[in-house]
Amino acid sequence: NGAKQQAAEYAAMGISVKDASGQLKSSDVLLGE
């Protein structure tokens, strides 16, 4: 949703929280990444 602090944390790891269709990834998928 654009929160800067959280977005920066994921960006620093090179992880997108959204999938190719623009939907939020499930937590288990993100956990694996």
PDB file of all heavy atoms in Angstrom:
ATOM      1  N   ASN A   1       0.812  -1.223   0.000  1.00  0.00           N
ATOM      2  CA  ASN A   1       0.000   0.000   0.000  1.00  0.00           C
ATOM      3  C   ASN A   1       0.844   1.271   0.000  1.00  0.00           C
ATOM      4  O   ASN A   1       0.317   2.370   0.138  1.00  0.00           O
ATOM      5  CB  ASN A   1      -0.943  -0.001   1.204  1.00  0.00           C
ATOM      6  CG  ASN A   1      -2.055  -1.028   1.059  1.00  0.00           C
ATOM      7  OD1 ASN A   1      -2.528  -1.281  -0.047  1.00  0.00           O
ATOM      8  ND2 ASN A   1      -2.468  -1.621   2.173  1.00  0.00           N
ATOM      9  N   GLY A   2       2.166   1.104  -0.119  1.00  0.00           N
ATOM     10  CA  GLY A   2       3.038   2.264  -0.265  1.00  0.00           C
ATOM     11  C   GLY A   2       3.670   2.795   1.000  1.00  0.00           C
ATOM     12  O   GLY A   2       4.294   3.871   0.974  1.00  0.00           O
ATOM     13  N   ALA A   3       3.547   2.086   2.125  1.00  0.00           N
ATOM     14  CA  ALA A   3       4.195   2.533   3.356  1.00  0.00           C
ATOM     15  C   ALA A   3       5.713   2.524   3.140  1.00  0.00           C
ATOM     16  O   ALA A   3       6.292   1.491   2.807  1.00  0.00           O
ATOM     17  CB  ALA A   3       3.820   1.616   4.518  1.00  0.00           C
ATOM     18  N   LYS A   4       6.351   3.658   3.309  1.00  0.00           N
ATOM     19  CA  LYS A   4       7.752   3.818   2.931  1.00  0.00           C
ATOM     20  C   LYS A   4       8.701   2.885   3.696  1.00  0.00           C
ATOM     21  O   LYS A   4       9.600   2.278   3.102  1.00  0.00           O
ATOM     22  CB  LYS A   4       8.180   5.275   3.125  1.00  0.00           C
ATOM     23  CG  LYS A   4       7.506   6.235   2.147  1.00  0.00           C
ATOM     24  CD  LYS A   4       8.024   7.656   2.334  1.00  0.00           C
ATOM     25  CE  LYS A   4       7.384   8.618   1.327  1.00  0.00           C
ATOM     26  NZ  LYS A   4       7.880  10.007   1.492  1.00  0.00           N
ATOM     27  N   GLN A   5       8.539   2.803   5.006  1.00  0.00           N
ATOM     28  CA  GLN A   5       9.463   2.007   5.813  1.00  0.00           C
ATOM     29  C   GLN A   5       9.403   0.526   5.431  1.00  0.00           C
ATOM     30  O   GLN A   5      10.429  -0.111   5.198  1.00  0.00           O
ATOM     31  CB  GLN A   5       9.147   2.175   7.308  1.00  0.00           C
ATOM     32  CG  GLN A   5      10.122   1.398   8.203  1.00  0.00           C
ATOM     33  CD  GLN A   5       9.834   1.617   9.680  1.00  0.00           C
ATOM     34  OE1 GLN A   5       9.066   2.515  10.061  1.00  0.00           O
ATOM     35  NE2 GLN A   5      10.441   0.800  10.531  1.00  0.00           N
ATOM     36  N   GLN A   6       8.186  -0.003   5.361  1.00  0.00           N
ATOM     37  CA  GLN A   6       8.028  -1.421   5.020  1.00  0.00           C
ATOM     38  C   GLN A   6       8.453  -1.694   3.578  1.00  0.00           C
ATOM     39  O   GLN A   6       9.106  -2.701   3.292  1.00  0.00           O
ATOM     40  CB  GLN A   6       6.578  -1.866   5.237  1.00  0.00           C
ATOM     41  CG  GLN A   6       6.172  -1.990   6.688  1.00  0.00           C
ATOM     42  CD  GLN A   6       5.773  -0.656   7.308  1.00  0.00           C
ATOM     43  OE1 GLN A   6       5.859   0.396   6.664  1.00  0.00           O
ATOM     44  NE2 GLN A   6       5.332  -0.698   8.558  1.00  0.00           N
ATOM     45  N   ALA A   7       8.092  -0.780   2.674  1.00  0.00           N
ATOM     46  CA  ALA A   7       8.467  -0.955   1.270  1.00  0.00           C
ATOM     47  C   ALA A   7       9.986  -0.967   1.114  1.00  0.00           C
ATOM     48  O   ALA A   7      10.539  -1.740   0.321  1.00  0.00           O
ATOM     49  CB  ALA A   7       7.858   0.157   0.425  1.00  0.00           C
ATOM     50  N   ALA A   8      10.660  -0.137   1.911  1.00  0.00           N
ATOM     51  CA  ALA A   8      12.122  -0.061   1.846  1.00  0.00           C
ATOM     52  C   ALA A   8      12.766  -1.365   2.324  1.00  0.00           C
ATOM     53  O   ALA A   8      13.795  -1.788   1.777  1.00  0.00           O
ATOM     54  CB  ALA A   8      12.615   1.110   2.688  1.00  0.00           C
ATOM     55  N   GLU A   9      12.179  -1.995   3.330  1.00  0.00           N
ATOM     56  CA  GLU A   9      12.732  -3.246   3.857  1.00  0.00           C
ATOM     57  C   GLU A   9      12.702  -4.342   2.794  1.00  0.00           C
ATOM     58  O   GLU A   9      13.684  -5.066   2.595  1.00  0.00           O
ATOM     59  CB  GLU A   9      11.945  -3.695   5.095  1.00  0.00           C
ATOM     60  CG  GLU A   9      12.169  -2.853   6.337  1.00  0.00           C
ATOM     61  CD  GLU A   9      13.578  -2.992   6.903  1.00  0.00           C
ATOM     62  OE1 GLU A   9      14.282  -3.958   6.543  1.00  0.00           O
ATOM     63  OE2 GLU A   9      13.967  -2.119   7.699  1.00  0.00           O
ATOM     64  N   TYR A  10      11.582  -4.461   2.116  1.00  0.00           N
ATOM     65  CA  TYR A  10      11.456  -5.500   1.081  1.00  0.00           C
ATOM     66  C   TYR A  10      12.323  -5.160  -0.130  1.00  0.00           C
ATOM     67  O   TYR A  10      12.949  -6.050  -0.725  1.00  0.00           O
ATOM     68  CB  TYR A  10       9.998  -5.671   0.674  1.00  0.00           C
ATOM     69  CG  TYR A  10       9.173  -6.401   1.708  1.00  0.00           C
ATOM     70  CD1 TYR A  10       8.381  -5.706   2.623  1.00  0.00           C
ATOM     71  CD2 TYR A  10       9.199  -7.788   1.779  1.00  0.00           C
ATOM     72  CE1 TYR A  10       7.642  -6.374   3.579  1.00  0.00           C
ATOM     73  CE2 TYR A  10       8.455  -8.467   2.732  1.00  0.00           C
ATOM     74  CZ  TYR A  10       7.685  -7.758   3.630  1.00  0.00           C
ATOM     75  OH  TYR A  10       6.952  -8.426   4.592  1.00  0.00           O
ATOM     76  N   ALA A  11      12.363  -3.874  -0.480  1.00  0.00           N
ATOM     77  CA  ALA A  11      13.167  -3.450  -1.621  1.00  0.00           C
ATOM     78  C   ALA A  11      14.647  -3.724  -1.374  1.00  0.00           C
ATOM     79  O   ALA A  11      15.381  -4.111  -2.291  1.00  0.00           O
ATOM     80  CB  ALA A  11      12.940  -1.963  -1.901  1.00  0.00           C
ATOM     81  N   ALA A  12      15.088  -3.543  -0.131  1.00  0.00           N
ATOM     82  CA  ALA A  12      16.491  -3.771   0.222  1.00  0.00           C
ATOM     83  C   ALA A  12      16.879  -5.235   0.019  1.00  0.00           C
ATOM     84  O   ALA A  12      18.053  -5.544  -0.227  1.00  0.00           O
ATOM     85  CB  ALA A  12      16.738  -3.360   1.668  1.00  0.00           C
ATOM     86  N   MET A  13      15.905  -6.121   0.127  1.00  0.00           N
ATOM     87  CA  MET A  13      16.171  -7.548  -0.083  1.00  0.00           C
ATOM     88  C   MET A  13      15.948  -7.970  -1.523  1.00  0.00           C
ATOM     89  O   MET A  13      16.202  -9.111  -1.890  1.00  0.00           O
ATOM     90  CB  MET A  13      15.271  -8.386   0.843  1.00  0.00           C
ATOM     91  CG  MET A  13      15.582  -8.264   2.308  1.00  0.00           C
ATOM     92  SD  MET A  13      14.614  -9.422   3.315  1.00  0.00           S
ATOM     93  CE  MET A  13      12.969  -8.747   3.103  1.00  0.00           C
ATOM     94  N   GLY A  14      15.430  -7.041  -2.337  1.00  0.00           N
ATOM     95  CA  GLY A  14      15.132  -7.381  -3.718  1.00  0.00           C
ATOM     96  C   GLY A  14      13.895  -8.240  -3.859  1.00  0.00           C
ATOM     97  O   GLY A  14      13.778  -9.041  -4.790  1.00  0.00           O
ATOM     98  N   ILE A  15      12.957  -8.068  -2.923  1.00  0.00           N
ATOM     99  CA  ILE A  15      11.723  -8.858  -2.927  1.00  0.00           C
ATOM    100  C   ILE A  15      10.526  -7.969  -3.239  1.00  0.00           C
ATOM    101  O   ILE A  15      10.356  -6.902  -2.634  1.00  0.00           O
ATOM    102  CB  ILE A  15      11.502  -9.551  -1.566  1.00  0.00           C
ATOM    103  CG1 ILE A  15      12.576 -10.605  -1.333  1.00  0.00           C
ATOM    104  CG2 ILE A  15      10.111 -10.185  -1.491  1.00  0.00           C
ATOM    105  CD1 ILE A  15      12.494 -11.278   0.032  1.00  0.00           C
ATOM    106  N   SER A  16       9.706  -8.395  -4.172  1.00  0.00           N
ATOM    107  CA  SER A  16       8.458  -7.697  -4.476  1.00  0.00           C
ATOM    108  C   SER A  16       7.335  -8.375  -3.702  1.00  0.00           C
ATOM    109  O   SER A  16       7.231  -9.611  -3.708  1.00  0.00           O
ATOM    110  CB  SER A  16       8.162  -7.758  -5.971  1.00  0.00           C
ATOM    111  OG  SER A  16       6.867  -7.235  -6.236  1.00  0.00           O
ATOM    112  N   VAL A  17       6.517  -7.596  -3.037  1.00  0.00           N
ATOM    113  CA  VAL A  17       5.422  -8.177  -2.261  1.00  0.00           C
ATOM    114  C   VAL A  17       4.227  -8.511  -3.145  1.00  0.00           C
ATOM    115  O   VAL A  17       3.271  -9.131  -2.692  1.00  0.00           O
ATOM    116  CB  VAL A  17       4.976  -7.238  -1.116  1.00  0.00           C
ATOM    117  CG1 VAL A  17       6.107  -7.053  -0.116  1.00  0.00           C
ATOM    118  CG2 VAL A  17       4.488  -5.904  -1.659  1.00  0.00           C
ATOM    119  N   LYS A  18       4.305  -8.091  -4.415  1.00  0.00           N
ATOM    120  CA  LYS A  18       3.220  -8.373  -5.352  1.00  0.00           C
ATOM    121  C   LYS A  18       3.685  -9.367  -6.406  1.00  0.00           C
ATOM    122  O   LYS A  18       4.869  -9.410  -6.773  1.00  0.00           O
ATOM    123  CB  LYS A  18       2.740  -7.099  -6.027  1.00  0.00           C
ATOM    124  CG  LYS A  18       2.092  -6.092  -5.069  1.00  0.00           C
ATOM    125  CD  LYS A  18       1.591  -4.862  -5.813  1.00  0.00           C
ATOM    126  CE  LYS A  18       0.916  -3.863  -4.876  1.00  0.00           C
ATOM    127  NZ  LYS A  18       0.433  -2.661  -5.600  1.00  0.00           N
ATOM    128  N   ASP A  19       2.746 -10.169  -6.901  1.00  0.00           N
ATOM    129  CA  ASP A  19       3.080 -11.119  -7.953  1.00  0.00           C
ATOM    130  C   ASP A  19       2.985 -10.446  -9.329  1.00  0.00           C
ATOM    131  O   ASP A  19       2.740  -9.237  -9.423  1.00  0.00           O
ATOM    132  CB  ASP A  19       2.182 -12.361  -7.879  1.00  0.00           C
ATOM    133  CG  ASP A  19       0.690 -12.029  -8.033  1.00  0.00           C
ATOM    134  OD1 ASP A  19       0.358 -10.977  -8.624  1.00  0.00           O
ATOM    135  OD2 ASP A  19      -0.142 -12.834  -7.561  1.00  0.00           O
ATOM    136  N   ALA A  20       3.166 -11.236 -10.375  1.00  0.00           N
ATOM    137  CA  ALA A  20       3.184 -10.691 -11.735  1.00  0.00           C
ATOM    138  C   ALA A  20       1.870 -10.033 -12.132  1.00  0.00           C
ATOM    139  O   ALA A  20       1.836  -9.141 -12.984  1.00  0.00           O
ATOM    140  CB  ALA A  20       3.528 -11.795 -12.732  1.00  0.00           C
ATOM    141  N   SER A  21       0.776 -10.457 -11.486  1.00  0.00           N
ATOM    142  CA  SER A  21      -0.536  -9.886 -11.813  1.00  0.00           C
ATOM    143  C   SER A  21      -0.881  -8.682 -10.942  1.00  0.00           C
ATOM    144  O   SER A  21      -1.974  -8.133 -11.045  1.00  0.00           O
ATOM    145  CB  SER A  21      -1.627 -10.957 -11.666  1.00  0.00           C
ATOM    146  OG  SER A  21      -1.729 -11.387 -10.317  1.00  0.00           O
ATOM    147  N   GLY A  22       0.065  -8.306 -10.063  1.00  0.00           N
ATOM    148  CA  GLY A  22      -0.170  -7.145  -9.212  1.00  0.00           C
ATOM    149  C   GLY A  22      -0.882  -7.450  -7.918  1.00  0.00           C
ATOM    150  O   GLY A  22      -1.231  -6.535  -7.166  1.00  0.00           O
ATOM    151  N   GLN A  23      -1.094  -8.741  -7.625  1.00  0.00           N
ATOM    152  CA  GLN A  23      -1.757  -9.139  -6.384  1.00  0.00           C
ATOM    153  C   GLN A  23      -0.736  -9.368  -5.276  1.00  0.00           C
ATOM    154  O   GLN A  23       0.400  -9.773  -5.530  1.00  0.00           O
ATOM    155  CB  GLN A  23      -2.569 -10.418  -6.613  1.00  0.00           C
ATOM    156  CG  GLN A  23      -3.674 -10.288  -7.649  1.00  0.00           C
ATOM    157  CD  GLN A  23      -4.703  -9.248  -7.265  1.00  0.00           C
ATOM    158  OE1 GLN A  23      -5.220  -9.245  -6.146  1.00  0.00           O
ATOM    159  NE2 GLN A  23      -5.011  -8.351  -8.193  1.00  0.00           N
ATOM    160  N   LEU A  24      -1.147  -9.105  -4.047  1.00  0.00           N
ATOM    161  CA  LEU A  24      -0.275  -9.334  -2.898  1.00  0.00           C
ATOM    162  C   LEU A  24       0.046 -10.827  -2.778  1.00  0.00           C
ATOM    163  O   LEU A  24      -0.849 -11.664  -2.821  1.00  0.00           O
ATOM    164  CB  LEU A  24      -0.956  -8.847  -1.620  1.00  0.00           C
ATOM    165  CG  LEU A  24      -0.167  -8.999  -0.307  1.00  0.00           C
ATOM    166  CD1 LEU A  24       1.084  -8.119  -0.331  1.00  0.00           C
ATOM    167  CD2 LEU A  24      -1.060  -8.624   0.881  1.00  0.00           C
ATOM    168  N   LYS A  25       1.316 -11.146  -2.659  1.00  0.00           N
ATOM    169  CA  LYS A  25       1.717 -12.549  -2.518  1.00  0.00           C
ATOM    170  C   LYS A  25       1.253 -13.095  -1.169  1.00  0.00           C
ATOM    171  O   LYS A  25       1.155 -12.345  -0.190  1.00  0.00           O
ATOM    172  CB  LYS A  25       3.239 -12.675  -2.614  1.00  0.00           C
ATOM    173  CG  LYS A  25       3.817 -12.354  -3.978  1.00  0.00           C
ATOM    174  CD  LYS A  25       5.345 -12.414  -3.957  1.00  0.00           C
ATOM    175  CE  LYS A  25       5.936 -12.051  -5.295  1.00  0.00           C
ATOM    176  NZ  LYS A  25       7.431 -12.002  -5.256  1.00  0.00           N
ATOM    177  N   SER A  26       0.991 -14.382  -1.112  1.00  0.00           N
ATOM    178  CA  SER A  26       0.597 -14.993   0.156  1.00  0.00           C
ATOM    179  C   SER A  26       1.795 -14.990   1.100  1.00  0.00           C
ATOM    180  O   SER A  26       2.957 -14.978   0.666  1.00  0.00           O
ATOM    181  CB  SER A  26       0.101 -16.429  -0.065  1.00  0.00           C
ATOM    182  OG  SER A  26       1.142 -17.245  -0.566  1.00  0.00           O
ATOM    183  N   SER A  27       1.523 -15.019   2.381  1.00  0.00           N
ATOM    184  CA  SER A  27       2.592 -14.933   3.378  1.00  0.00           C
ATOM    185  C   SER A  27       3.552 -16.113   3.313  1.00  0.00           C
ATOM    186  O   SER A  27       4.742 -15.961   3.599  1.00  0.00           O
ATOM    187  CB  SER A  27       1.984 -14.836   4.785  1.00  0.00           C
ATOM    188  OG  SER A  27       1.257 -13.631   4.930  1.00  0.00           O
ATOM    189  N   ASP A  28       3.049 -17.303   2.947  1.00  0.00           N
ATOM    190  CA  ASP A  28       3.940 -18.456   2.865  1.00  0.00           C
ATOM    191  C   ASP A  28       4.912 -18.320   1.689  1.00  0.00           C
ATOM    192  O   ASP A  28       6.072 -18.730   1.779  1.00  0.00           O
ATOM    193  CB  ASP A  28       3.151 -19.764   2.775  1.00  0.00           C
ATOM    194  CG  ASP A  28       2.042 -19.737   1.743  1.00  0.00           C
ATOM    195  OD1 ASP A  28       1.303 -18.739   1.708  1.00  0.00           O
ATOM    196  OD2 ASP A  28       1.896 -20.711   0.979  1.00  0.00           O
ATOM    197  N   VAL A  29       4.449 -17.723   0.590  1.00  0.00           N
ATOM    198  CA  VAL A  29       5.328 -17.480  -0.555  1.00  0.00           C
ATOM    199  C   VAL A  29       6.406 -16.466  -0.174  1.00  0.00           C
ATOM    200  O   VAL A  29       7.597 -16.650  -0.458  1.00  0.00           O
ATOM    201  CB  VAL A  29       4.525 -16.981  -1.773  1.00  0.00           C
ATOM    202  CG1 VAL A  29       5.461 -16.475  -2.875  1.00  0.00           C
ATOM    203  CG2 VAL A  29       3.635 -18.100  -2.306  1.00  0.00           C
ATOM    204  N   LEU A  30       5.996 -15.387   0.482  1.00  0.00           N
ATOM    205  CA  LEU A  30       6.958 -14.363   0.911  1.00  0.00           C
ATOM    206  C   LEU A  30       7.942 -14.932   1.927  1.00  0.00           C
ATOM    207  O   LEU A  30       9.134 -14.609   1.886  1.00  0.00           O
ATOM    208  CB  LEU A  30       6.213 -13.168   1.512  1.00  0.00           C
ATOM    209  CG  LEU A  30       5.544 -12.233   0.506  1.00  0.00           C
ATOM    210  CD1 LEU A  30       4.664 -11.209   1.226  1.00  0.00           C
ATOM    211  CD2 LEU A  30       6.590 -11.523  -0.346  1.00  0.00           C
ATOM    212  N   LEU A  31       7.457 -15.779   2.815  1.00  0.00           N
ATOM    213  CA  LEU A  31       8.341 -16.382   3.807  1.00  0.00           C
ATOM    214  C   LEU A  31       9.457 -17.164   3.120  1.00  0.00           C
ATOM    215  O   LEU A  31      10.620 -17.085   3.516  1.00  0.00           O
ATOM    216  CB  LEU A  31       7.546 -17.313   4.731  1.00  0.00           C
ATOM    217  CG  LEU A  31       8.360 -18.004   5.837  1.00  0.00           C
ATOM    218  CD1 LEU A  31       8.802 -16.970   6.875  1.00  0.00           C
ATOM    219  CD2 LEU A  31       7.533 -19.098   6.505  1.00  0.00           C
ATOM    220  N   GLY A  32       9.094 -17.911   2.088  1.00  0.00           N
ATOM    221  CA  GLY A  32      10.087 -18.679   1.351  1.00  0.00           C
ATOM    222  C   GLY A  32      11.111 -17.791   0.671  1.00  0.00           C
ATOM    223  O   GLY A  32      12.318 -18.088   0.678  1.00  0.00           O
ATOM    224  N   GLU A  33      10.659 -16.688   0.087  1.00  0.00           N
ATOM    225  CA  GLU A  33      11.570 -15.772  -0.588  1.00  0.00           C
ATOM    226  C   GLU A  33      12.494 -15.093   0.423  1.00  0.00           C
ATOM    227  O   GLU A  33      13.691 -14.906   0.165  1.00  0.00           O
ATOM    228  CB  GLU A  33      10.775 -14.726  -1.370  1.00  0.00           C
ATOM    229  CG  GLU A  33       9.991 -15.319  -2.540  1.00  0.00           C
ATOM    230  CD  GLU A  33       9.259 -14.257  -3.352  1.00  0.00           C
ATOM    231  OE1 GLU A  33       9.550 -13.057  -3.166  1.00  0.00           O
ATOM    232  OE2 GLU A  33       8.397 -14.624  -4.173  1.00  0.00           O
TER     233      GLU A  33
END
